[in-house]
């Protein structure tokens, strides 16, 4: 499975649309809310991991020197066109 931050963004908006479905009632609504909570928890960890990678690269570039033009693999698909 190959996912990017763009895919995560799409999943979050899809979940928001499901939560906005006014036809969801009772147990179905409770299940969707629980699903949204789980998605939020996982998403938070994915975003925190991306921030950690960027922070580590900044420190490496600042203190050890480095190529400031490189992009972490986990972020490359989100920010660079395919094939770069």
C-alpha atoms as a PDB file:
ATOM      1  CA  UNK A   1       0.000   0.000   0.000  1.00  0.00           C
ATOM      2  CA  UNK A   2       1.350   3.402  -0.934  1.00  0.00           C
ATOM      3  CA  UNK A   3      -0.075   6.477   0.780  1.00  0.00           C
ATOM      4  CA  UNK A   4       0.889  10.127   0.810  1.00  0.00           C
ATOM      5  CA  UNK A   5      -0.091  13.147   2.864  1.00  0.00           C
ATOM      6  CA  UNK A   6      -2.387  14.053  -0.021  1.00  0.00           C
ATOM      7  CA  UNK A   7      -4.158  10.712   0.450  1.00  0.00           C
ATOM      8  CA  UNK A   8      -4.445  11.425   4.165  1.00  0.00           C
ATOM      9  CA  UNK A   9      -6.021  14.785   3.388  1.00  0.00           C
ATOM     10  CA  UNK A  10      -8.544  13.085   1.086  1.00  0.00           C
ATOM     11  CA  UNK A  11      -9.409  10.519   3.777  1.00  0.00           C
ATOM     12  CA  UNK A  12      -9.963  13.255   6.345  1.00  0.00           C
ATOM     13  CA  UNK A  13     -12.294  15.192   4.074  1.00  0.00           C
ATOM     14  CA  UNK A  14     -14.187  12.000   3.188  1.00  0.00           C
ATOM     15  CA  UNK A  15     -14.650  11.330   6.900  1.00  0.00           C
ATOM     16  CA  UNK A  16     -15.896  14.870   7.405  1.00  0.00           C
ATOM     17  CA  UNK A  17     -18.479  14.319   4.668  1.00  0.00           C
ATOM     18  CA  UNK A  18     -19.646  11.076   6.313  1.00  0.00           C
ATOM     19  CA  UNK A  19     -20.027  12.860   9.647  1.00  0.00           C
ATOM     20  CA  UNK A  20     -22.092  15.551   7.931  1.00  0.00           C
ATOM     21  CA  UNK A  21     -24.578  13.002   6.565  1.00  0.00           C
ATOM     22  CA  UNK A  22     -27.847  14.074   8.185  1.00  0.00           C
ATOM     23  CA  UNK A  23     -29.379  10.650   7.509  1.00  0.00           C
ATOM     24  CA  UNK A  24     -27.047   9.015  10.037  1.00  0.00           C
ATOM     25  CA  UNK A  25     -28.926   8.433  13.250  1.00  0.00           C
ATOM     26  CA  UNK A  26     -28.572   6.436  16.431  1.00  0.00           C
ATOM     27  CA  UNK A  27     -26.109   3.570  16.374  1.00  0.00           C
ATOM     28  CA  UNK A  28     -24.875   4.361  12.839  1.00  0.00           C
ATOM     29  CA  UNK A  29     -23.970   7.884  13.934  1.00  0.00           C
ATOM     30  CA  UNK A  30     -22.210   6.581  17.046  1.00  0.00           C
ATOM     31  CA  UNK A  31     -20.202   4.130  14.908  1.00  0.00           C
ATOM     32  CA  UNK A  32     -19.216   6.904  12.486  1.00  0.00           C
ATOM     33  CA  UNK A  33     -18.136   9.136  15.372  1.00  0.00           C
ATOM     34  CA  UNK A  34     -16.011   6.292  16.787  1.00  0.00           C
ATOM     35  CA  UNK A  35     -14.478   5.734  13.349  1.00  0.00           C
ATOM     36  CA  UNK A  36     -13.717   9.455  13.080  1.00  0.00           C
ATOM     37  CA  UNK A  37     -11.975   9.398  16.468  1.00  0.00           C
ATOM     38  CA  UNK A  38      -9.785   6.471  15.380  1.00  0.00           C
ATOM     39  CA  UNK A  39      -8.936   8.168  12.080  1.00  0.00           C
ATOM     40  CA  UNK A  40      -8.070  11.360  13.944  1.00  0.00           C
ATOM     41  CA  UNK A  41      -5.716   9.528  16.306  1.00  0.00           C
ATOM     42  CA  UNK A  42      -3.875   7.783  13.483  1.00  0.00           C
ATOM     43  CA  UNK A  43      -3.748  10.969  11.389  1.00  0.00           C
ATOM     44  CA  UNK A  44      -2.281  12.902  14.294  1.00  0.00           C
ATOM     45  CA  UNK A  45       0.537  10.363  14.582  1.00  0.00           C
ATOM     46  CA  UNK A  46       1.237  10.447  10.831  1.00  0.00           C
ATOM     47  CA  UNK A  47       1.451  14.245  10.878  1.00  0.00           C
ATOM     48  CA  UNK A  48       3.650  14.221  13.996  1.00  0.00           C
ATOM     49  CA  UNK A  49       5.962  11.717  12.314  1.00  0.00           C
ATOM     50  CA  UNK A  50       6.280  13.969   9.250  1.00  0.00           C
ATOM     51  CA  UNK A  51       7.099  16.938  11.474  1.00  0.00           C
ATOM     52  CA  UNK A  52       9.730  14.901  13.311  1.00  0.00           C
ATOM     53  CA  UNK A  53      11.392  13.966  10.013  1.00  0.00           C
ATOM     54  CA  UNK A  54      11.471  17.605   8.892  1.00  0.00           C
ATOM     55  CA  UNK A  55      12.799  18.804  12.246  1.00  0.00           C
ATOM     56  CA  UNK A  56      15.557  16.179  12.153  1.00  0.00           C
ATOM     57  CA  UNK A  57      16.550  17.274   8.654  1.00  0.00           C
ATOM     58  CA  UNK A  58      16.682  20.928   9.726  1.00  0.00           C
ATOM     59  CA  UNK A  59      18.959  20.053  12.623  1.00  0.00           C
ATOM     60  CA  UNK A  60      21.147  17.922  10.396  1.00  0.00           C
ATOM     61  CA  UNK A  61      21.435  20.707   7.827  1.00  0.00           C
ATOM     62  CA  UNK A  62      22.150  23.329  10.478  1.00  0.00           C
ATOM     63  CA  UNK A  63      24.750  21.444  12.499  1.00  0.00           C
ATOM     64  CA  UNK A  64      26.200  18.851  10.156  1.00  0.00           C
ATOM     65  CA  UNK A  65      25.726  20.509   6.796  1.00  0.00           C
ATOM     66  CA  UNK A  66      23.639  18.894   4.194  1.00  0.00           C
ATOM     67  CA  UNK A  67      21.740  19.231   0.986  1.00  0.00           C
ATOM     68  CA  UNK A  68      18.819  21.480   1.865  1.00  0.00           C
ATOM     69  CA  UNK A  69      17.137  20.628  -1.458  1.00  0.00           C
ATOM     70  CA  UNK A  70      16.449  16.993  -0.604  1.00  0.00           C
ATOM     71  CA  UNK A  71      12.990  15.995   0.489  1.00  0.00           C
ATOM     72  CA  UNK A  72      12.133  13.121   2.848  1.00  0.00           C
ATOM     73  CA  UNK A  73      10.694  10.167   0.931  1.00  0.00           C
ATOM     74  CA  UNK A  74       7.486  10.264   2.976  1.00  0.00           C
ATOM     75  CA  UNK A  75       6.854  13.841   1.825  1.00  0.00           C
ATOM     76  CA  UNK A  76       8.233  13.647  -1.707  1.00  0.00           C
ATOM     77  CA  UNK A  77       5.011  12.386  -3.324  1.00  0.00           C
ATOM     78  CA  UNK A  78       2.986  15.124  -1.677  1.00  0.00           C
ATOM     79  CA  UNK A  79       5.131  18.043  -2.779  1.00  0.00           C
ATOM     80  CA  UNK A  80       6.966  16.948  -5.917  1.00  0.00           C
ATOM     81  CA  UNK A  81       5.421  15.976  -9.249  1.00  0.00           C
ATOM     82  CA  UNK A  82       5.711  12.292 -10.135  1.00  0.00           C
ATOM     83  CA  UNK A  83       9.083  11.338 -11.537  1.00  0.00           C
ATOM     84  CA  UNK A  84      11.269  13.877  -9.712  1.00  0.00           C
END
